[in-house]
Amino acid sequence: MFQTRVTQMLGIQYPIIEGGMMWLGRGELAAAVSNAGGLGMIAAGNFPSPGELREEMKKVRGLTDKPFGVNVSVTPTFRPVDRGVLIDTAVQEGAAAIETAGKDALQYASRIKKGKTRWTHKCARVRDALKAEGAGADMVTVVGYECGGAPPQNEITTFILVPLAADALGIPVLAGGGIGDARGFLAALTLGAEGVVMGTRFIATKECTAHPNIKEALLKARESDTVLVQRSIGTMERVLRNQTAETVLAMEKRGASLEELKEFIIGERAQKSWFGGDVEYGVLPCGQVIGQIRDIVSVQEFIQRLVEGARAIHQRLSPDRSSREVG
């Protein structure tokens, strides 16, 4: 039931992939996801030098013998980063997959595909997914308006975007945005996706290195407790509604410049919040799926809950089929 082209390409048990979350995409979480049957992902942006990235990949290999991936975001940043060198390092160190994001990522296609590493490109429009397919991507992740981080500017939701992409593309489609439980997982596969990418829900796991205060805030949050910031400067992000996000929204409303906004949206400020525990200090990317988070469990327990729940739903909807056929 859960074997797709994605599981075959990546050598994983379930088509469940951890999103490459900046600051939080580290070895402990990645290894836990891979050990539970999915594909863990570390964010190269956390380790801006090749040596640091190489050491983190070694850490993951010390914690799991399963495949894992590396996210290399090619989106605007305030910090100078040589993405090409990071990609080369990830390929040399045997990453099962490299996840890219950003329109400029396609220039790195030949570097990604030098070895056996699979390439998945994250985008928010079908036309961008088609460009990635044309450039040689092995699969694409399409993210809907519900997602944390960078949702589509055109406000198209996951339920609309995924089947459109699945119809248009010949390569596998991964679904991202609004997926946090067994119902969302199975729905994504029904829509034509061959796997799912989840970020926000993995924050609320024991292995995620986010401060307990942040995890507790996600437990208390409702689906309406996210806001869209940075729309005025073309880098729109969905983040937790907090004091800093409200400040940024007010500044954008009065026409603040990028230079004025920089103090509040800079990544190092978010980093201090994620690990220091001050929920109000930085802009914290997360999706509307926060409204579904009810507990903090281990990654293993969460993925098993996801898989077993999806099987149970499938069985309920297909009562004439035996459990042997479903499994």
C-alpha atoms as a PDB file:
ATOM      1  CA  MET A   1       0.000   0.000   0.000  1.00  0.00           C
ATOM      2  CA  PHE A   2       2.823   2.414   0.840  1.00  0.00           C
ATOM      3  CA  GLN A   3       5.294   1.333  -1.825  1.00  0.00           C
ATOM      4  CA  THR A   4       5.631   4.044  -4.472  1.00  0.00           C
ATOM      5  CA  ARG A   5       8.268   5.194  -6.913  1.00  0.00           C
ATOM      6  CA  VAL A   6       9.517   7.455  -4.128  1.00  0.00           C
ATOM      7  CA  THR A   7      10.162   4.602  -1.687  1.00  0.00           C
ATOM      8  CA  GLN A   8      11.857   2.641  -4.470  1.00  0.00           C
ATOM      9  CA  MET A   9      14.089   5.535  -5.539  1.00  0.00           C
ATOM     10  CA  LEU A  10      15.131   6.419  -1.996  1.00  0.00           C
ATOM     11  CA  GLY A  11      15.273   2.935  -0.507  1.00  0.00           C
ATOM     12  CA  ILE A  12      12.909   3.762   2.347  1.00  0.00           C
ATOM     13  CA  GLN A  13      10.009   1.892   3.916  1.00  0.00           C
ATOM     14  CA  TYR A  14       7.370   4.622   3.895  1.00  0.00           C
ATOM     15  CA  PRO A  15       6.952   7.622   1.555  1.00  0.00           C
ATOM     16  CA  ILE A  16       7.327  10.074   4.433  1.00  0.00           C
ATOM     17  CA  ILE A  17       9.981  12.765   4.241  1.00  0.00           C
ATOM     18  CA  GLU A  18      11.051  15.269   6.858  1.00  0.00           C
ATOM     19  CA  GLY A  19      11.069  18.809   5.502  1.00  0.00           C
ATOM     20  CA  GLY A  20      14.469  20.481   5.446  1.00  0.00           C
ATOM     21  CA  MET A  21      13.760  22.969   8.215  1.00  0.00           C
ATOM     22  CA  MET A  22      16.278  25.737   8.763  1.00  0.00           C
ATOM     23  CA  TRP A  23      17.799  25.613  12.275  1.00  0.00           C
ATOM     24  CA  LEU A  24      15.807  22.491  13.213  1.00  0.00           C
ATOM     25  CA  GLY A  25      16.897  20.126  10.446  1.00  0.00           C
ATOM     26  CA  ARG A  26      19.740  18.512  12.364  1.00  0.00           C
ATOM     27  CA  GLY A  27      21.225  15.090  12.772  1.00  0.00           C
ATOM     28  CA  GLU A  28      19.200  13.843  15.734  1.00  0.00           C
ATOM     29  CA  LEU A  29      15.840  14.471  14.073  1.00  0.00           C
ATOM     30  CA  ALA A  30      16.971  13.281  10.642  1.00  0.00           C
ATOM     31  CA  ALA A  31      18.281   9.994  12.025  1.00  0.00           C
ATOM     32  CA  ALA A  32      15.076   9.410  13.991  1.00  0.00           C
ATOM     33  CA  VAL A  33      12.923   9.877  10.878  1.00  0.00           C
ATOM     34  CA  SER A  34      15.122   7.542   8.838  1.00  0.00           C
ATOM     35  CA  ASN A  35      15.164   4.911  11.587  1.00  0.00           C
ATOM     36  CA  ALA A  36      11.356   5.029  11.685  1.00  0.00           C
ATOM     37  CA  GLY A  37      11.129   4.195   7.968  1.00  0.00           C
ATOM     38  CA  GLY A  38      10.977   7.644   6.390  1.00  0.00           C
ATOM     39  CA  LEU A  39      13.665   9.896   4.973  1.00  0.00           C
ATOM     40  CA  GLY A  40      15.298  12.253   7.444  1.00  0.00           C
ATOM     41  CA  MET A  41      16.658  15.532   6.132  1.00  0.00           C
ATOM     42  CA  ILE A  42      19.325  17.872   7.477  1.00  0.00           C
ATOM     43  CA  ALA A  43      19.377  21.511   6.394  1.00  0.00           C
ATOM     44  CA  ALA A  44      22.739  22.461   4.893  1.00  0.00           C
ATOM     45  CA  GLY A  45      22.099  26.091   5.802  1.00  0.00           C
ATOM     46  CA  ASN A  46      22.729  25.169   9.430  1.00  0.00           C
ATOM     47  CA  PHE A  47      26.273  24.178   8.491  1.00  0.00           C
ATOM     48  CA  PRO A  48      27.538  26.833   6.058  1.00  0.00           C
ATOM     49  CA  SER A  49      31.001  25.349   5.569  1.00  0.00           C
ATOM     50  CA  PRO A  50      31.667  22.014   3.832  1.00  0.00           C
ATOM     51  CA  GLY A  51      33.514  20.733   6.894  1.00  0.00           C
ATOM     52  CA  GLU A  52      30.586  21.429   9.219  1.00  0.00           C
ATOM     53  CA  LEU A  53      28.119  19.776   6.841  1.00  0.00           C
ATOM     54  CA  ARG A  54      30.404  16.768   6.467  1.00  0.00           C
ATOM     55  CA  GLU A  55      30.619  16.362  10.248  1.00  0.00           C
ATOM     56  CA  GLU A  56      26.840  16.538  10.625  1.00  0.00           C
ATOM     57  CA  MET A  57      26.392  13.889   7.950  1.00  0.00           C
ATOM     58  CA  LYS A  58      28.880  11.698   9.803  1.00  0.00           C
ATOM     59  CA  LYS A  59      26.809  12.238  12.950  1.00  0.00           C
ATOM     60  CA  VAL A  60      23.684  11.029  11.159  1.00  0.00           C
ATOM     61  CA  ARG A  61      25.498   7.936   9.876  1.00  0.00           C
ATOM     62  CA  GLY A  62      26.536   7.221  13.449  1.00  0.00           C
ATOM     63  CA  LEU A  63      22.870   7.217  14.476  1.00  0.00           C
ATOM     64  CA  THR A  64      21.337   5.310  11.562  1.00  0.00           C
ATOM     65  CA  ASP A  65      22.292   2.963   8.765  1.00  0.00           C
ATOM     66  CA  LYS A  66      19.247   4.094   6.748  1.00  0.00           C
ATOM     67  CA  PRO A  67      19.188   6.619   3.883  1.00  0.00           C
ATOM     68  CA  PHE A  68      18.893  10.333   4.663  1.00  0.00           C
ATOM     69  CA  GLY A  69      18.922  13.547   2.662  1.00  0.00           C
ATOM     70  CA  VAL A  70      20.278  17.083   2.669  1.00  0.00           C
ATOM     71  CA  ASN A  71      18.259  20.233   2.041  1.00  0.00           C
ATOM     72  CA  VAL A  72      20.052  23.016   0.171  1.00  0.00           C
ATOM     73  CA  SER A  73      17.800  26.042  -0.118  1.00  0.00           C
ATOM     74  CA  VAL A  74      18.695  28.391  -2.956  1.00  0.00           C
ATOM     75  CA  THR A  75      16.538  31.255  -1.732  1.00  0.00           C
ATOM     76  CA  PRO A  76      17.540  34.794  -0.703  1.00  0.00           C
ATOM     77  CA  THR A  77      19.518  35.012   2.521  1.00  0.00           C
ATOM     78  CA  PHE A  78      21.314  37.670   4.509  1.00  0.00           C
ATOM     79  CA  ARG A  79      24.300  35.337   4.914  1.00  0.00           C
ATOM     80  CA  PRO A  80      26.742  34.535   2.099  1.00  0.00           C
ATOM     81  CA  VAL A  81      26.552  30.797   1.356  1.00  0.00           C
ATOM     82  CA  ASP A  82      28.240  28.833  -1.434  1.00  0.00           C
ATOM     83  CA  ARG A  83      25.382  26.471  -2.319  1.00  0.00           C
ATOM     84  CA  GLY A  84      27.376  24.704  -5.017  1.00  0.00           C
ATOM     85  CA  VAL A  85      30.077  23.643  -2.580  1.00  0.00           C
ATOM     86  CA  LEU A  86      27.470  22.396  -0.099  1.00  0.00           C
ATOM     87  CA  ILE A  87      25.794  20.375  -2.856  1.00  0.00           C
ATOM     88  CA  ASP A  88      29.142  18.888  -3.891  1.00  0.00           C
ATOM     89  CA  THR A  89      29.831  17.928  -0.271  1.00  0.00           C
ATOM     90  CA  ALA A  90      26.421  16.293   0.169  1.00  0.00           C
ATOM     91  CA  VAL A  91      26.883  14.270  -3.024  1.00  0.00           C
ATOM     92  CA  GLN A  92      30.430  13.228  -2.079  1.00  0.00           C
ATOM     93  CA  GLU A  93      29.271  12.153   1.378  1.00  0.00           C
ATOM     94  CA  GLY A  94      26.568   9.923  -0.061  1.00  0.00           C
ATOM     95  CA  ALA A  95      23.303  11.748   0.629  1.00  0.00           C
ATOM     96  CA  ALA A  96      20.393   9.637  -0.622  1.00  0.00           C
ATOM     97  CA  ALA A  97      18.663  12.796  -1.804  1.00  0.00           C
ATOM     98  CA  ILE A  98      19.223  16.504  -2.119  1.00  0.00           C
ATOM     99  CA  GLU A  99      16.195  18.735  -1.690  1.00  0.00           C
ATOM    100  CA  THR A 100      16.431  22.160  -3.300  1.00  0.00           C
ATOM    101  CA  ALA A 101      14.127  25.162  -3.229  1.00  0.00           C
ATOM    102  CA  GLY A 102      14.232  28.457  -5.089  1.00  0.00           C
ATOM    103  CA  LYS A 103      14.119  29.301  -8.792  1.00  0.00           C
ATOM    104  CA  ASP A 104      17.913  29.511  -9.041  1.00  0.00           C
ATOM    105  CA  ALA A 105      18.359  25.918  -7.869  1.00  0.00           C
ATOM    106  CA  LEU A 106      18.084  24.475 -11.383  1.00  0.00           C
ATOM    107  CA  GLN A 107      21.567  25.760 -12.234  1.00  0.00           C
ATOM    108  CA  TYR A 108      22.975  23.108  -9.898  1.00  0.00           C
ATOM    109  CA  ALA A 109      21.296  20.171 -11.675  1.00  0.00           C
ATOM    110  CA  SER A 110      24.478  18.684 -13.151  1.00  0.00           C
ATOM    111  CA  ARG A 111      26.305  18.929  -9.817  1.00  0.00           C
ATOM    112  CA  ILE A 112      23.502  17.139  -7.972  1.00  0.00           C
ATOM    113  CA  LYS A 113      23.267  14.343 -10.506  1.00  0.00           C
ATOM    114  CA  LYS A 114      26.980  13.504 -10.614  1.00  0.00           C
ATOM    115  CA  GLY A 115      26.559  10.545  -8.293  1.00  0.00           C
ATOM    116  CA  LYS A 116      23.723   8.286  -7.145  1.00  0.00           C
ATOM    117  CA  THR A 117      22.029  11.064  -5.197  1.00  0.00           C
ATOM    118  CA  ARG A 118      18.380  11.640  -6.049  1.00  0.00           C
ATOM    119  CA  TRP A 119      17.180  15.189  -6.613  1.00  0.00           C
ATOM    120  CA  THR A 120      13.880  16.535  -5.337  1.00  0.00           C
ATOM    121  CA  HIS A 121      12.958  20.162  -5.972  1.00  0.00           C
ATOM    122  CA  LYS A 122      10.419  22.010  -3.844  1.00  0.00           C
ATOM    123  CA  CYS A 123       8.126  24.523  -5.533  1.00  0.00           C
ATOM    124  CA  ALA A 124       4.660  26.024  -5.274  1.00  0.00           C
ATOM    125  CA  ARG A 125       3.500  26.166  -8.905  1.00  0.00           C
ATOM    126  CA  VAL A 126       2.962  23.486 -11.525  1.00  0.00           C
ATOM    127  CA  ARG A 127       4.935  25.454 -14.114  1.00  0.00           C
ATOM    128  CA  ASP A 128       7.943  25.513 -11.786  1.00  0.00           C
ATOM    129  CA  ALA A 129       7.569  21.782 -11.197  1.00  0.00           C
ATOM    130  CA  LEU A 130       7.630  21.220 -14.958  1.00  0.00           C
ATOM    131  CA  LYS A 131      10.838  23.257 -15.243  1.00  0.00           C
ATOM    132  CA  ALA A 132      12.424  21.105 -12.541  1.00  0.00           C
ATOM    133  CA  GLU A 133      11.344  17.956 -14.356  1.00  0.00           C
ATOM    134  CA  GLY A 134      12.868  19.314 -17.551  1.00  0.00           C
ATOM    135  CA  ALA A 135      16.120  20.050 -15.710  1.00  0.00           C
ATOM    136  CA  GLY A 136      16.369  16.431 -14.550  1.00  0.00           C
ATOM    137  CA  ALA A 137      14.751  16.349 -11.097  1.00  0.00           C
ATOM    138  CA  ASP A 138      13.869  12.840  -9.963  1.00  0.00           C
ATOM    139  CA  MET A 139      10.813  14.072  -8.061  1.00  0.00           C
ATOM    140  CA  VAL A 140       9.231  17.343  -6.994  1.00  0.00           C
ATOM    141  CA  THR A 141       7.607  18.540  -3.801  1.00  0.00           C
ATOM    142  CA  VAL A 142       4.654  20.845  -4.336  1.00  0.00           C
ATOM    143  CA  VAL A 143       3.625  22.916  -1.333  1.00  0.00           C
ATOM    144  CA  GLY A 144       0.202  24.448  -0.869  1.00  0.00           C
ATOM    145  CA  TYR A 145      -0.925  27.620   0.835  1.00  0.00           C
ATOM    146  CA  GLU A 146      -1.264  25.864   4.199  1.00  0.00           C
ATOM    147  CA  CYS A 147       2.443  25.178   4.509  1.00  0.00           C
ATOM    148  CA  GLY A 148       4.868  26.744   6.935  1.00  0.00           C
ATOM    149  CA  GLY A 149       7.782  28.683   5.538  1.00  0.00           C
ATOM    150  CA  ALA A 150       7.280  29.788   1.927  1.00  0.00           C
ATOM    151  CA  PRO A 151       3.727  29.172   0.641  1.00  0.00           C
ATOM    152  CA  PRO A 152       2.643  29.974  -2.927  1.00  0.00           C
ATOM    153  CA  GLN A 153       2.066  33.651  -3.616  1.00  0.00           C
ATOM    154  CA  ASN A 154      -1.035  32.721  -5.638  1.00  0.00           C
ATOM    155  CA  GLU A 155      -2.639  31.173  -2.530  1.00  0.00           C
ATOM    156  CA  ILE A 156      -3.416  27.799  -4.141  1.00  0.00           C
ATOM    157  CA  THR A 157      -4.063  25.067  -1.574  1.00  0.00           C
ATOM    158  CA  THR A 158      -2.508  21.627  -1.351  1.00  0.00           C
ATOM    159  CA  PHE A 159      -5.738  19.840  -2.299  1.00  0.00           C
ATOM    160  CA  ILE A 160      -5.849  21.731  -5.595  1.00  0.00           C
ATOM    161  CA  LEU A 161      -2.134  21.853  -6.359  1.00  0.00           C
ATOM    162  CA  VAL A 162      -1.222  18.188  -5.831  1.00  0.00           C
ATOM    163  CA  PRO A 163      -3.638  16.614  -8.365  1.00  0.00           C
ATOM    164  CA  LEU A 164      -2.794  19.310 -10.909  1.00  0.00           C
ATOM    165  CA  ALA A 165       0.901  18.535 -10.541  1.00  0.00           C
ATOM    166  CA  ALA A 166       0.330  14.763 -10.592  1.00  0.00           C
ATOM    167  CA  ASP A 167      -1.604  15.101 -13.850  1.00  0.00           C
ATOM    168  CA  ALA A 168       1.026  17.327 -15.471  1.00  0.00           C
ATOM    169  CA  LEU A 169       4.231  15.535 -14.485  1.00  0.00           C
ATOM    170  CA  GLY A 170       5.810  12.236 -15.373  1.00  0.00           C
ATOM    171  CA  ILE A 171       8.033  12.142 -12.280  1.00  0.00           C
ATOM    172  CA  PRO A 172       6.728  11.476  -8.758  1.00  0.00           C
ATOM    173  CA  VAL A 173       5.058  14.278  -6.815  1.00  0.00           C
ATOM    174  CA  LEU A 174       5.486  14.762  -3.075  1.00  0.00           C
ATOM    175  CA  ALA A 175       2.802  16.723  -1.234  1.00  0.00           C
ATOM    176  CA  GLY A 176       3.618  19.363   1.359  1.00  0.00           C
ATOM    177  CA  GLY A 177       1.426  21.700   3.392  1.00  0.00           C
ATOM    178  CA  GLY A 178      -1.363  20.872   5.840  1.00  0.00           C
ATOM    179  CA  ILE A 179      -0.326  17.251   6.417  1.00  0.00           C
ATOM    180  CA  GLY A 180      -0.006  16.217  10.040  1.00  0.00           C
ATOM    181  CA  ASP A 181      -1.901  12.995  10.639  1.00  0.00           C
ATOM    182  CA  ALA A 182      -2.976   9.732   9.021  1.00  0.00           C
ATOM    183  CA  ARG A 183      -5.934  11.361   7.279  1.00  0.00           C
ATOM    184  CA  GLY A 184      -3.728  13.930   5.578  1.00  0.00           C
ATOM    185  CA  PHE A 185      -1.149  11.306   4.653  1.00  0.00           C
ATOM    186  CA  LEU A 186      -3.701   9.041   2.991  1.00  0.00           C
ATOM    187  CA  ALA A 187      -5.482  11.987   1.363  1.00  0.00           C
ATOM    188  CA  ALA A 188      -2.225  13.118  -0.253  1.00  0.00           C
ATOM    189  CA  LEU A 189      -1.667   9.665  -1.749  1.00  0.00           C
ATOM    190  CA  THR A 190      -5.259   9.611  -2.977  1.00  0.00           C
ATOM    191  CA  LEU A 191      -4.743  12.966  -4.683  1.00  0.00           C
ATOM    192  CA  GLY A 192      -1.914  11.512  -6.739  1.00  0.00           C
ATOM    193  CA  ALA A 193       1.129  12.214  -4.581  1.00  0.00           C
ATOM    194  CA  GLU A 194       3.627   9.384  -4.133  1.00  0.00           C
ATOM    195  CA  GLY A 195       4.832  10.673  -0.797  1.00  0.00           C
ATOM    196  CA  VAL A 196       4.493  13.474   1.721  1.00  0.00           C
ATOM    197  CA  VAL A 197       6.838  16.086   3.149  1.00  0.00           C
ATOM    198  CA  MET A 198       6.144  17.285   6.680  1.00  0.00           C
ATOM    199  CA  GLY A 199       7.912  19.942   8.671  1.00  0.00           C
ATOM    200  CA  THR A 200       5.706  21.524  11.338  1.00  0.00           C
ATOM    201  CA  ARG A 201       4.476  18.242  12.827  1.00  0.00           C
ATOM    202  CA  PHE A 202       8.031  17.002  13.286  1.00  0.00           C
ATOM    203  CA  ILE A 203       8.815  20.037  15.455  1.00  0.00           C
ATOM    204  CA  ALA A 204       6.486  18.596  18.081  1.00  0.00           C
ATOM    205  CA  THR A 205       8.533  15.423  18.534  1.00  0.00           C
ATOM    206  CA  LYS A 206      10.930  14.442  21.267  1.00  0.00           C
ATOM    207  CA  GLU A 207      13.931  14.280  18.942  1.00  0.00           C
ATOM    208  CA  CYS A 208      13.501  17.805  17.570  1.00  0.00           C
ATOM    209  CA  THR A 209      15.985  20.166  19.219  1.00  0.00           C
ATOM    210  CA  ALA A 210      13.541  23.075  19.502  1.00  0.00           C
ATOM    211  CA  HIS A 211      13.140  24.430  23.043  1.00  0.00           C
ATOM    212  CA  PRO A 212      10.275  22.888  25.068  1.00  0.00           C
ATOM    213  CA  ASN A 213       8.636  26.340  25.289  1.00  0.00           C
ATOM    214  CA  ILE A 214       8.273  26.407  21.509  1.00  0.00           C
ATOM    215  CA  LYS A 215       6.819  22.907  21.389  1.00  0.00           C
ATOM    216  CA  GLU A 216       4.354  23.854  24.116  1.00  0.00           C
ATOM    217  CA  ALA A 217       3.325  26.937  22.118  1.00  0.00           C
ATOM    218  CA  LEU A 218       2.562  24.726  19.120  1.00  0.00           C
ATOM    219  CA  LEU A 219       0.412  22.473  21.303  1.00  0.00           C
ATOM    220  CA  LYS A 220      -1.632  25.449  22.450  1.00  0.00           C
ATOM    221  CA  ALA A 221      -1.917  27.075  19.010  1.00  0.00           C
ATOM    222  CA  ARG A 222      -4.955  26.859  16.781  1.00  0.00           C
ATOM    223  CA  GLU A 223      -5.042  26.573  13.006  1.00  0.00           C
ATOM    224  CA  SER A 224      -5.731  30.324  12.865  1.00  0.00           C
ATOM    225  CA  ASP A 225      -2.571  31.196  14.800  1.00  0.00           C
ATOM    226  CA  THR A 226      -0.297  31.679  11.810  1.00  0.00           C
ATOM    227  CA  VAL A 227       0.213  34.836   9.763  1.00  0.00           C
ATOM    228  CA  LEU A 228       1.864  35.715   6.463  1.00  0.00           C
ATOM    229  CA  VAL A 229       4.802  38.092   6.741  1.00  0.00           C
ATOM    230  CA  GLN A 230       7.311  39.496   4.237  1.00  0.00           C
ATOM    231  CA  ARG A 231       4.731  39.659   1.443  1.00  0.00           C
ATOM    232  CA  SER A 232       5.786  43.252   0.718  1.00  0.00           C
ATOM    233  CA  ILE A 233       9.388  42.242  -0.038  1.00  0.00           C
ATOM    234  CA  GLY A 234       8.566  39.202  -2.153  1.00  0.00           C
ATOM    235  CA  THR A 235       9.687  36.506   0.285  1.00  0.00           C
ATOM    236  CA  MET A 236       6.358  35.687   1.915  1.00  0.00           C
ATOM    237  CA  GLU A 237       6.496  33.303   4.868  1.00  0.00           C
ATOM    238  CA  ARG A 238       3.842  31.648   7.016  1.00  0.00           C
ATOM    239  CA  VAL A 239       4.905  31.952  10.639  1.00  0.00           C
ATOM    240  CA  LEU A 240       3.531  31.575  14.140  1.00  0.00           C
ATOM    241  CA  ARG A 241       1.487  34.568  15.236  1.00  0.00           C
ATOM    242  CA  ASN A 242       3.608  36.196  17.935  1.00  0.00           C
ATOM    243  CA  GLN A 243       4.793  39.627  18.992  1.00  0.00           C
ATOM    244  CA  THR A 244       7.554  39.877  16.393  1.00  0.00           C
ATOM    245  CA  ALA A 245       5.293  38.683  13.560  1.00  0.00           C
ATOM    246  CA  GLU A 246       2.720  41.326  14.527  1.00  0.00           C
ATOM    247  CA  THR A 247       5.458  43.971  14.556  1.00  0.00           C
ATOM    248  CA  VAL A 248       6.579  42.958  11.070  1.00  0.00           C
ATOM    249  CA  LEU A 249       3.006  43.056   9.767  1.00  0.00           C
ATOM    250  CA  ALA A 250       2.519  46.563  11.164  1.00  0.00           C
ATOM    251  CA  MET A 251       5.804  47.723   9.625  1.00  0.00           C
ATOM    252  CA  GLU A 252       4.869  46.286   6.235  1.00  0.00           C
ATOM    253  CA  LYS A 253       1.502  47.990   6.396  1.00  0.00           C
ATOM    254  CA  ARG A 254       3.212  51.371   6.682  1.00  0.00           C
ATOM    255  CA  GLY A 255       5.642  50.531   3.873  1.00  0.00           C
ATOM    256  CA  ALA A 256       8.822  49.645   5.759  1.00  0.00           C
ATOM    257  CA  SER A 257      11.899  48.875   3.665  1.00  0.00           C
ATOM    258  CA  LEU A 258      13.846  45.623   3.665  1.00  0.00           C
ATOM    259  CA  GLU A 259      16.586  47.336   5.649  1.00  0.00           C
ATOM    260  CA  GLU A 260      14.064  48.297   8.347  1.00  0.00           C
ATOM    261  CA  LEU A 261      12.528  44.815   8.427  1.00  0.00           C
ATOM    262  CA  LYS A 262      15.855  43.036   8.520  1.00  0.00           C
ATOM    263  CA  GLU A 263      16.299  43.470  12.267  1.00  0.00           C
ATOM    264  CA  PHE A 264      13.146  41.439  12.926  1.00  0.00           C
ATOM    265  CA  ILE A 265      13.202  38.805  10.163  1.00  0.00           C
ATOM    266  CA  ILE A 266      16.880  37.874  10.210  1.00  0.00           C
ATOM    267  CA  GLY A 267      17.422  34.152  10.708  1.00  0.00           C
ATOM    268  CA  GLU A 268      19.703  34.477  13.719  1.00  0.00           C
ATOM    269  CA  ARG A 269      16.820  36.043  15.614  1.00  0.00           C
ATOM    270  CA  ALA A 270      14.625  33.024  14.837  1.00  0.00           C
ATOM    271  CA  GLN A 271      17.485  30.760  15.867  1.00  0.00           C
ATOM    272  CA  LYS A 272      17.583  32.361  19.308  1.00  0.00           C
ATOM    273  CA  SER A 273      13.854  31.769  19.687  1.00  0.00           C
ATOM    274  CA  TRP A 274      13.945  28.128  18.562  1.00  0.00           C
ATOM    275  CA  PHE A 275      16.702  27.194  20.987  1.00  0.00           C
ATOM    276  CA  GLY A 276      16.392  29.841  23.701  1.00  0.00           C
ATOM    277  CA  GLY A 277      12.676  29.364  24.226  1.00  0.00           C
ATOM    278  CA  ASP A 278      11.433  32.965  23.871  1.00  0.00           C
ATOM    279  CA  VAL A 279       8.315  32.378  21.790  1.00  0.00           C
ATOM    280  CA  GLU A 280       7.852  36.090  21.042  1.00  0.00           C
ATOM    281  CA  TYR A 281      11.381  37.037  19.927  1.00  0.00           C
ATOM    282  CA  GLY A 282      11.772  35.717  16.353  1.00  0.00           C
ATOM    283  CA  VAL A 283       9.616  34.876  13.354  1.00  0.00           C
ATOM    284  CA  LEU A 284       9.013  31.131  13.578  1.00  0.00           C
ATOM    285  CA  PRO A 285       7.918  29.396  10.371  1.00  0.00           C
ATOM    286  CA  CYS A 286       5.128  26.868  10.851  1.00  0.00           C
ATOM    287  CA  GLY A 287       2.030  25.768   8.980  1.00  0.00           C
ATOM    288  CA  GLN A 288      -1.690  25.785   9.639  1.00  0.00           C
ATOM    289  CA  VAL A 289      -1.368  22.134  10.646  1.00  0.00           C
ATOM    290  CA  ILE A 290      -0.445  23.394  14.133  1.00  0.00           C
ATOM    291  CA  GLY A 291      -4.185  23.206  14.798  1.00  0.00           C
ATOM    292  CA  GLN A 292      -3.948  19.396  14.605  1.00  0.00           C
ATOM    293  CA  ILE A 293      -1.026  18.947  16.999  1.00  0.00           C
ATOM    294  CA  ARG A 294      -2.219  17.396  20.255  1.00  0.00           C
ATOM    295  CA  ASP A 295       0.894  15.862  21.811  1.00  0.00           C
ATOM    296  CA  ILE A 296       4.658  15.572  21.735  1.00  0.00           C
ATOM    297  CA  VAL A 297       5.741  12.032  20.948  1.00  0.00           C
ATOM    298  CA  SER A 298       8.799  10.273  19.591  1.00  0.00           C
ATOM    299  CA  VAL A 299       9.311  10.245  15.839  1.00  0.00           C
ATOM    300  CA  GLN A 300       8.932   6.460  15.867  1.00  0.00           C
ATOM    301  CA  GLU A 301       5.558   6.659  17.588  1.00  0.00           C
ATOM    302  CA  PHE A 302       4.344   9.420  15.310  1.00  0.00           C
ATOM    303  CA  ILE A 303       5.255   7.645  12.070  1.00  0.00           C
ATOM    304  CA  GLN A 304       3.770   4.364  13.273  1.00  0.00           C
ATOM    305  CA  ARG A 305       0.604   6.224  14.212  1.00  0.00           C
ATOM    306  CA  LEU A 306       0.565   7.784  10.743  1.00  0.00           C
ATOM    307  CA  VAL A 307       0.989   4.480   8.934  1.00  0.00           C
ATOM    308  CA  GLU A 308      -1.327   2.403  11.096  1.00  0.00           C
ATOM    309  CA  GLY A 309      -3.972   5.113  11.018  1.00  0.00           C
ATOM    310  CA  ALA A 310      -3.830   5.296   7.230  1.00  0.00           C
ATOM    311  CA  ARG A 311      -4.153   1.519   6.977  1.00  0.00           C
ATOM    312  CA  ALA A 312      -7.172   1.578   9.298  1.00  0.00           C
ATOM    313  CA  ILE A 313      -8.882   4.294   7.245  1.00  0.00           C
ATOM    314  CA  HIS A 314      -8.201   2.393   4.036  1.00  0.00           C
ATOM    315  CA  GLN A 315      -9.630  -0.767   5.570  1.00  0.00           C
ATOM    316  CA  ARG A 316     -12.736   1.071   6.746  1.00  0.00           C
ATOM    317  CA  LEU A 317     -13.327   2.461   3.274  1.00  0.00           C
ATOM    318  CA  SER A 318     -12.681  -0.936   1.655  1.00  0.00           C
ATOM    319  CA  PRO A 319     -14.482  -3.384   3.987  1.00  0.00           C
ATOM    320  CA  ASP A 320     -14.561  -6.120   1.351  1.00  0.00           C
ATOM    321  CA  ARG A 321     -10.748  -6.262   1.172  1.00  0.00           C
ATOM    322  CA  SER A 322      -8.743  -8.381   3.574  1.00  0.00           C
ATOM    323  CA  SER A 323      -6.121  -6.917   5.864  1.00  0.00           C
ATOM    324  CA  ARG A 324      -3.590  -8.995   3.931  1.00  0.00           C
ATOM    325  CA  GLU A 325      -4.384  -7.029   0.750  1.00  0.00           C
ATOM    326  CA  VAL A 326      -4.183  -3.694   2.580  1.00  0.00           C
ATOM    327  CA  GLY A 327      -0.853  -4.336   4.318  1.00  0.00           C
END
